[in-house]
């Protein structure tokens, strides 16, 4: 998402390098609370393959996994 990328790229590169970011976490840390504007449908959100289940399960936005 462009909003999350903007937040990351606005940080000091000397102190923000080599990190793995999750868009939702970046935006929540930036103060975003309304995530409905990012939805394109009412379907369930599918979890990204690279986000571990334990991390995804801690996020307020619930997702489903299709990876076993």
PDB file of N, CA and C in Angstrom:
ATOM      1  N   UNK A   1       0.834  -1.176   0.000  1.00  0.00           N
ATOM      2  CA  UNK A   1       0.000   0.000   0.000  1.00  0.00           C
ATOM      3  C   UNK A   1       0.876   1.236   0.000  1.00  0.00           C
ATOM      4  N   UNK A   2       0.492   2.176  -0.779  1.00  0.00           N
ATOM      5  CA  UNK A   2       1.283   3.394  -0.915  1.00  0.00           C
ATOM      6  C   UNK A   2       1.391   4.167   0.390  1.00  0.00           C
ATOM      7  N   UNK A   3       0.335   4.169   1.193  1.00  0.00           N
ATOM      8  CA  UNK A   3       0.382   4.912   2.456  1.00  0.00           C
ATOM      9  C   UNK A   3       1.435   4.334   3.395  1.00  0.00           C
ATOM     10  N   UNK A   4       1.516   3.016   3.461  1.00  0.00           N
ATOM     11  CA  UNK A   4       2.523   2.376   4.311  1.00  0.00           C
ATOM     12  C   UNK A   4       3.924   2.624   3.752  1.00  0.00           C
ATOM     13  N   UNK A   5       4.069   2.526   2.448  1.00  0.00           N
ATOM     14  CA  UNK A   5       5.370   2.792   1.829  1.00  0.00           C
ATOM     15  C   UNK A   5       5.818   4.216   2.113  1.00  0.00           C
ATOM     16  N   UNK A   6       4.899   5.158   2.044  1.00  0.00           N
ATOM     17  CA  UNK A   6       5.227   6.554   2.341  1.00  0.00           C
ATOM     18  C   UNK A   6       5.751   6.693   3.766  1.00  0.00           C
ATOM     19  N   UNK A   7       5.076   6.052   4.714  1.00  0.00           N
ATOM     20  CA  UNK A   7       5.512   6.117   6.116  1.00  0.00           C
ATOM     21  C   UNK A   7       6.915   5.541   6.279  1.00  0.00           C
ATOM     22  N   UNK A   8       7.173   4.422   5.641  1.00  0.00           N
ATOM     23  CA  UNK A   8       8.485   3.772   5.753  1.00  0.00           C
ATOM     24  C   UNK A   8       9.566   4.633   5.105  1.00  0.00           C
ATOM     25  N   UNK A   9       9.292   5.142   3.914  1.00  0.00           N
ATOM     26  CA  UNK A   9      10.289   5.932   3.192  1.00  0.00           C
ATOM     27  C   UNK A   9      10.519   7.307   3.808  1.00  0.00           C
ATOM     28  N   UNK A  10       9.624   7.729   4.684  1.00  0.00           N
ATOM     29  CA  UNK A  10       9.782   9.013   5.373  1.00  0.00           C
ATOM     30  C   UNK A  10      10.681   8.905   6.602  1.00  0.00           C
ATOM     31  N   UNK A  11      11.008   7.678   6.991  1.00  0.00           N
ATOM     32  CA  UNK A  11      11.854   7.474   8.173  1.00  0.00           C
ATOM     33  C   UNK A  11      13.320   7.728   7.830  1.00  0.00           C
ATOM     34  N   UNK A  12      14.115   7.981   8.853  1.00  0.00           N
ATOM     35  CA  UNK A  12      15.552   8.174   8.677  1.00  0.00           C
ATOM     36  C   UNK A  12      16.168   6.858   8.199  1.00  0.00           C
ATOM     37  N   UNK A  13      16.755   6.823   7.018  1.00  0.00           N
ATOM     38  CA  UNK A  13      17.286   5.572   6.487  1.00  0.00           C
ATOM     39  C   UNK A  13      18.413   4.970   7.324  1.00  0.00           C
ATOM     40  N   UNK A  14      19.105   5.782   8.089  1.00  0.00           N
ATOM     41  CA  UNK A  14      20.186   5.254   8.922  1.00  0.00           C
ATOM     42  C   UNK A  14      19.648   4.430  10.088  1.00  0.00           C
ATOM     43  N   UNK A  15      18.445   4.747  10.539  1.00  0.00           N
ATOM     44  CA  UNK A  15      17.886   4.021  11.682  1.00  0.00           C
ATOM     45  C   UNK A  15      16.778   3.054  11.268  1.00  0.00           C
ATOM     46  N   UNK A  16      16.454   3.038   9.990  1.00  0.00           N
ATOM     47  CA  UNK A  16      15.358   2.185   9.518  1.00  0.00           C
ATOM     48  C   UNK A  16      15.807   1.425   8.278  1.00  0.00           C
ATOM     49  N   UNK A  17      16.569   0.387   8.506  1.00  0.00           N
ATOM     50  CA  UNK A  17      17.064  -0.398   7.384  1.00  0.00           C
ATOM     51  C   UNK A  17      17.081  -1.871   7.767  1.00  0.00           C
ATOM     52  N   UNK A  18      16.898  -2.737   6.797  1.00  0.00           N
ATOM     53  CA  UNK A  18      16.941  -4.168   7.043  1.00  0.00           C
ATOM     54  C   UNK A  18      15.748  -4.696   7.813  1.00  0.00           C
ATOM     55  N   UNK A  19      14.615  -4.026   7.720  1.00  0.00           N
ATOM     56  CA  UNK A  19      13.424  -4.428   8.462  1.00  0.00           C
ATOM     57  C   UNK A  19      12.401  -5.099   7.555  1.00  0.00           C
ATOM     58  N   UNK A  20      11.564  -5.914   8.168  1.00  0.00           N
ATOM     59  CA  UNK A  20      10.410  -6.519   7.510  1.00  0.00           C
ATOM     60  C   UNK A  20       9.188  -5.796   8.048  1.00  0.00           C
ATOM     61  N   UNK A  21       8.408  -5.184   7.188  1.00  0.00           N
ATOM     62  CA  UNK A  21       7.258  -4.405   7.626  1.00  0.00           C
ATOM     63  C   UNK A  21       5.954  -5.045   7.170  1.00  0.00           C
ATOM     64  N   UNK A  22       4.943  -4.911   8.002  1.00  0.00           N
ATOM     65  CA  UNK A  22       3.580  -5.296   7.653  1.00  0.00           C
ATOM     66  C   UNK A  22       2.790  -4.002   7.538  1.00  0.00           C
ATOM     67  N   UNK A  23       2.145  -3.813   6.399  1.00  0.00           N
ATOM     68  CA  UNK A  23       1.437  -2.553   6.126  1.00  0.00           C
ATOM     69  C   UNK A  23       0.532  -2.132   7.275  1.00  0.00           C
ATOM     70  N   UNK A  24      -0.267  -3.053   7.760  1.00  0.00           N
ATOM     71  CA  UNK A  24      -1.217  -2.708   8.822  1.00  0.00           C
ATOM     72  C   UNK A  24      -0.509  -2.199  10.069  1.00  0.00           C
ATOM     73  N   UNK A  25       0.575  -2.827  10.447  1.00  0.00           N
ATOM     74  CA  UNK A  25       1.315  -2.409  11.641  1.00  0.00           C
ATOM     75  C   UNK A  25       1.910  -1.016  11.432  1.00  0.00           C
ATOM     76  N   UNK A  26       2.490  -0.785  10.268  1.00  0.00           N
ATOM     77  CA  UNK A  26       3.073   0.528   9.960  1.00  0.00           C
ATOM     78  C   UNK A  26       2.005   1.613  10.055  1.00  0.00           C
ATOM     79  N   UNK A  27       0.859   1.369   9.445  1.00  0.00           N
ATOM     80  CA  UNK A  27      -0.204   2.372   9.437  1.00  0.00           C
ATOM     81  C   UNK A  27      -0.813   2.578  10.820  1.00  0.00           C
ATOM     82  N   UNK A  28      -0.992   1.509  11.581  1.00  0.00           N
ATOM     83  CA  UNK A  28      -1.515   1.664  12.947  1.00  0.00           C
ATOM     84  C   UNK A  28      -0.533   2.464  13.801  1.00  0.00           C
ATOM     85  N   UNK A  29       0.757   2.191  13.654  1.00  0.00           N
ATOM     86  CA  UNK A  29       1.764   2.953  14.406  1.00  0.00           C
ATOM     87  C   UNK A  29       1.788   4.423  13.986  1.00  0.00           C
ATOM     88  N   UNK A  30       1.344   4.700  12.765  1.00  0.00           N
ATOM     89  CA  UNK A  30       1.283   6.082  12.277  1.00  0.00           C
ATOM     90  C   UNK A  30      -0.028   6.761  12.677  1.00  0.00           C
ATOM     91  N   UNK A  31      -0.910   6.020  13.358  1.00  0.00           N
ATOM     92  CA  UNK A  31      -2.150   6.606  13.847  1.00  0.00           C
ATOM     93  C   UNK A  31      -3.397   6.270  13.052  1.00  0.00           C
ATOM     94  N   UNK A  32      -3.268   5.477  12.014  1.00  0.00           N
ATOM     95  CA  UNK A  32      -4.438   5.101  11.206  1.00  0.00           C
ATOM     96  C   UNK A  32      -5.333   4.152  12.002  1.00  0.00           C
ATOM     97  N   UNK A  33      -6.627   4.390  11.965  1.00  0.00           N
ATOM     98  CA  UNK A  33      -7.576   3.520  12.670  1.00  0.00           C
ATOM     99  C   UNK A  33      -8.670   2.986  11.756  1.00  0.00           C
ATOM    100  N   UNK A  34      -8.917   3.637  10.628  1.00  0.00           N
ATOM    101  CA  UNK A  34      -9.982   3.219   9.717  1.00  0.00           C
ATOM    102  C   UNK A  34      -9.382   2.491   8.521  1.00  0.00           C
ATOM    103  N   UNK A  35      -9.507   1.168   8.527  1.00  0.00           N
ATOM    104  CA  UNK A  35      -8.926   0.368   7.453  1.00  0.00           C
ATOM    105  C   UNK A  35      -9.953  -0.050   6.405  1.00  0.00           C
ATOM    106  N   UNK A  36     -11.200   0.334   6.591  1.00  0.00           N
ATOM    107  CA  UNK A  36     -12.235   0.005   5.612  1.00  0.00           C
ATOM    108  C   UNK A  36     -11.946   0.640   4.256  1.00  0.00           C
ATOM    109  N   UNK A  37     -11.304   1.783   4.249  1.00  0.00           N
ATOM    110  CA  UNK A  37     -11.021   2.451   2.971  1.00  0.00           C
ATOM    111  C   UNK A  37     -10.024   1.672   2.113  1.00  0.00           C
ATOM    112  N   UNK A  38      -9.342   0.700   2.705  1.00  0.00           N
ATOM    113  CA  UNK A  38      -8.378  -0.099   1.956  1.00  0.00           C
ATOM    114  C   UNK A  38      -8.998  -1.373   1.371  1.00  0.00           C
ATOM    115  N   UNK A  39     -10.227  -1.681   1.763  1.00  0.00           N
ATOM    116  CA  UNK A  39     -10.898  -2.888   1.262  1.00  0.00           C
ATOM    117  C   UNK A  39     -11.442  -2.630  -0.138  1.00  0.00           C
ATOM    118  N   UNK A  40     -11.312  -3.615  -1.001  1.00  0.00           N
ATOM    119  CA  UNK A  40     -11.886  -3.473  -2.336  1.00  0.00           C
ATOM    120  C   UNK A  40     -13.121  -4.349  -2.505  1.00  0.00           C
ATOM    121  N   UNK A  41     -13.374  -5.233  -1.543  1.00  0.00           N
ATOM    122  CA  UNK A  41     -14.574  -6.076  -1.585  1.00  0.00           C
ATOM    123  C   UNK A  41     -14.916  -6.496  -0.159  1.00  0.00           C
ATOM    124  N   UNK A  42     -16.074  -7.122  -0.019  1.00  0.00           N
ATOM    125  CA  UNK A  42     -16.494  -7.612   1.293  1.00  0.00           C
ATOM    126  C   UNK A  42     -16.002  -9.027   1.564  1.00  0.00           C
ATOM    127  N   UNK A  43     -15.258  -9.601   0.638  1.00  0.00           N
ATOM    128  CA  UNK A  43     -14.726 -10.950   0.827  1.00  0.00           C
ATOM    129  C   UNK A  43     -13.718 -10.972   1.965  1.00  0.00           C
ATOM    130  N   UNK A  44     -13.505 -12.171   2.509  1.00  0.00           N
ATOM    131  CA  UNK A  44     -12.496 -12.305   3.553  1.00  0.00           C
ATOM    132  C   UNK A  44     -11.120 -11.958   2.988  1.00  0.00           C
ATOM    133  N   UNK A  45     -10.294 -11.371   3.820  1.00  0.00           N
ATOM    134  CA  UNK A  45      -8.933 -11.039   3.407  1.00  0.00           C
ATOM    135  C   UNK A  45      -8.058 -12.279   3.513  1.00  0.00           C
ATOM    136  N   UNK A  46      -7.258 -12.519   2.510  1.00  0.00           N
ATOM    137  CA  UNK A  46      -6.372 -13.677   2.511  1.00  0.00           C
ATOM    138  C   UNK A  46      -5.012 -13.250   3.027  1.00  0.00           C
ATOM    139  N   UNK A  47      -4.518 -14.014   3.966  1.00  0.00           N
ATOM    140  CA  UNK A  47      -3.230 -13.740   4.598  1.00  0.00           C
ATOM    141  C   UNK A  47      -2.095 -13.912   3.598  1.00  0.00           C
ATOM    142  N   UNK A  48      -1.132 -13.036   3.674  1.00  0.00           N
ATOM    143  CA  UNK A  48       0.046 -13.114   2.824  1.00  0.00           C
ATOM    144  C   UNK A  48       0.902 -14.309   3.237  1.00  0.00           C
ATOM    145  N   UNK A  49       1.454 -14.982   2.260  1.00  0.00           N
ATOM    146  CA  UNK A  49       2.285 -16.162   2.492  1.00  0.00           C
ATOM    147  C   UNK A  49       3.475 -15.872   3.408  1.00  0.00           C
ATOM    148  N   UNK A  50       4.026 -14.674   3.343  1.00  0.00           N
ATOM    149  CA  UNK A  50       5.239 -14.342   4.081  1.00  0.00           C
ATOM    150  C   UNK A  50       4.990 -13.907   5.520  1.00  0.00           C
ATOM    151  N   UNK A  51       3.733 -13.736   5.910  1.00  0.00           N
ATOM    152  CA  UNK A  51       3.423 -13.321   7.277  1.00  0.00           C
ATOM    153  C   UNK A  51       3.127 -14.574   8.095  1.00  0.00           C
ATOM    154  N   UNK A  52       3.948 -14.861   9.105  1.00  0.00           N
ATOM    155  CA  UNK A  52       3.726 -16.053   9.928  1.00  0.00           C
ATOM    156  C   UNK A  52       2.367 -16.002  10.627  1.00  0.00           C
ATOM    157  N   UNK A  53       1.763 -17.166  10.836  1.00  0.00           N
ATOM    158  CA  UNK A  53       0.450 -17.237  11.474  1.00  0.00           C
ATOM    159  C   UNK A  53       0.424 -16.548  12.825  1.00  0.00           C
ATOM    160  N   UNK A  54       1.463 -16.736  13.644  1.00  0.00           N
ATOM    161  CA  UNK A  54       1.451 -16.135  14.983  1.00  0.00           C
ATOM    162  C   UNK A  54       1.446 -14.606  14.908  1.00  0.00           C
ATOM    163  N   UNK A  55       2.094 -14.037  13.915  1.00  0.00           N
ATOM    164  CA  UNK A  55       2.093 -12.580  13.738  1.00  0.00           C
ATOM    165  C   UNK A  55       0.728 -12.128  13.225  1.00  0.00           C
ATOM    166  N   UNK A  56       0.211 -12.789  12.210  1.00  0.00           N
ATOM    167  CA  UNK A  56      -1.079 -12.409  11.620  1.00  0.00           C
ATOM    168  C   UNK A  56      -2.213 -12.545  12.624  1.00  0.00           C
ATOM    169  N   UNK A  57      -2.157 -13.546  13.479  1.00  0.00           N
ATOM    170  CA  UNK A  57      -3.218 -13.762  14.464  1.00  0.00           C
ATOM    171  C   UNK A  57      -3.260 -12.665  15.518  1.00  0.00           C
ATOM    172  N   UNK A  58      -2.186 -11.936  15.701  1.00  0.00           N
ATOM    173  CA  UNK A  58      -2.133 -10.844  16.681  1.00  0.00           C
ATOM    174  C   UNK A  58      -2.654  -9.522  16.121  1.00  0.00           C
ATOM    175  N   UNK A  59      -2.827  -9.436  14.808  1.00  0.00           N
ATOM    176  CA  UNK A  59      -3.304  -8.200  14.192  1.00  0.00           C
ATOM    177  C   UNK A  59      -4.808  -8.045  14.402  1.00  0.00           C
ATOM    178  N   UNK A  60      -5.280  -6.825  14.602  1.00  0.00           N
ATOM    179  CA  UNK A  60      -6.723  -6.605  14.764  1.00  0.00           C
ATOM    180  C   UNK A  60      -7.548  -7.013  13.539  1.00  0.00           C
ATOM    181  N   UNK A  61      -7.015  -6.825  12.347  1.00  0.00           N
ATOM    182  CA  UNK A  61      -7.733  -7.205  11.134  1.00  0.00           C
ATOM    183  C   UNK A  61      -7.576  -8.704  10.918  1.00  0.00           C
ATOM    184  N   UNK A  62      -8.683  -9.405  10.895  1.00  0.00           N
ATOM    185  CA  UNK A  62      -8.648 -10.862  10.761  1.00  0.00           C
ATOM    186  C   UNK A  62      -8.543 -11.271   9.297  1.00  0.00           C
ATOM    187  N   UNK A  63      -7.758 -12.300   9.075  1.00  0.00           N
ATOM    188  CA  UNK A  63      -7.524 -12.825   7.738  1.00  0.00           C
ATOM    189  C   UNK A  63      -7.684 -14.333   7.756  1.00  0.00           C
ATOM    190  N   UNK A  64      -7.787 -14.917   6.592  1.00  0.00           N
ATOM    191  CA  UNK A  64      -7.832 -16.370   6.467  1.00  0.00           C
ATOM    192  C   UNK A  64      -6.604 -16.801   5.684  1.00  0.00           C
ATOM    193  N   UNK A  65      -6.198 -18.026   5.917  1.00  0.00           N
ATOM    194  CA  UNK A  65      -5.044 -18.538   5.192  1.00  0.00           C
ATOM    195  C   UNK A  65      -5.481 -19.622   4.219  1.00  0.00           C
ATOM    196  N   UNK A  66      -4.857 -19.658   3.074  1.00  0.00           N
ATOM    197  CA  UNK A  66      -5.118 -20.717   2.105  1.00  0.00           C
ATOM    198  C   UNK A  66      -3.880 -21.598   1.966  1.00  0.00           C
ATOM    199  N   UNK A  67      -2.868 -21.302   2.755  1.00  0.00           N
ATOM    200  CA  UNK A  67      -1.603 -22.037   2.696  1.00  0.00           C
ATOM    201  C   UNK A  67      -1.566 -23.043   3.828  1.00  0.00           C
ATOM    202  N   UNK A  68      -1.265 -24.265   3.515  1.00  0.00           N
ATOM    203  CA  UNK A  68      -1.188 -25.318   4.544  1.00  0.00           C
ATOM    204  C   UNK A  68       0.196 -25.878   4.611  1.00  0.00           C
TER     205      UNK A  68
END
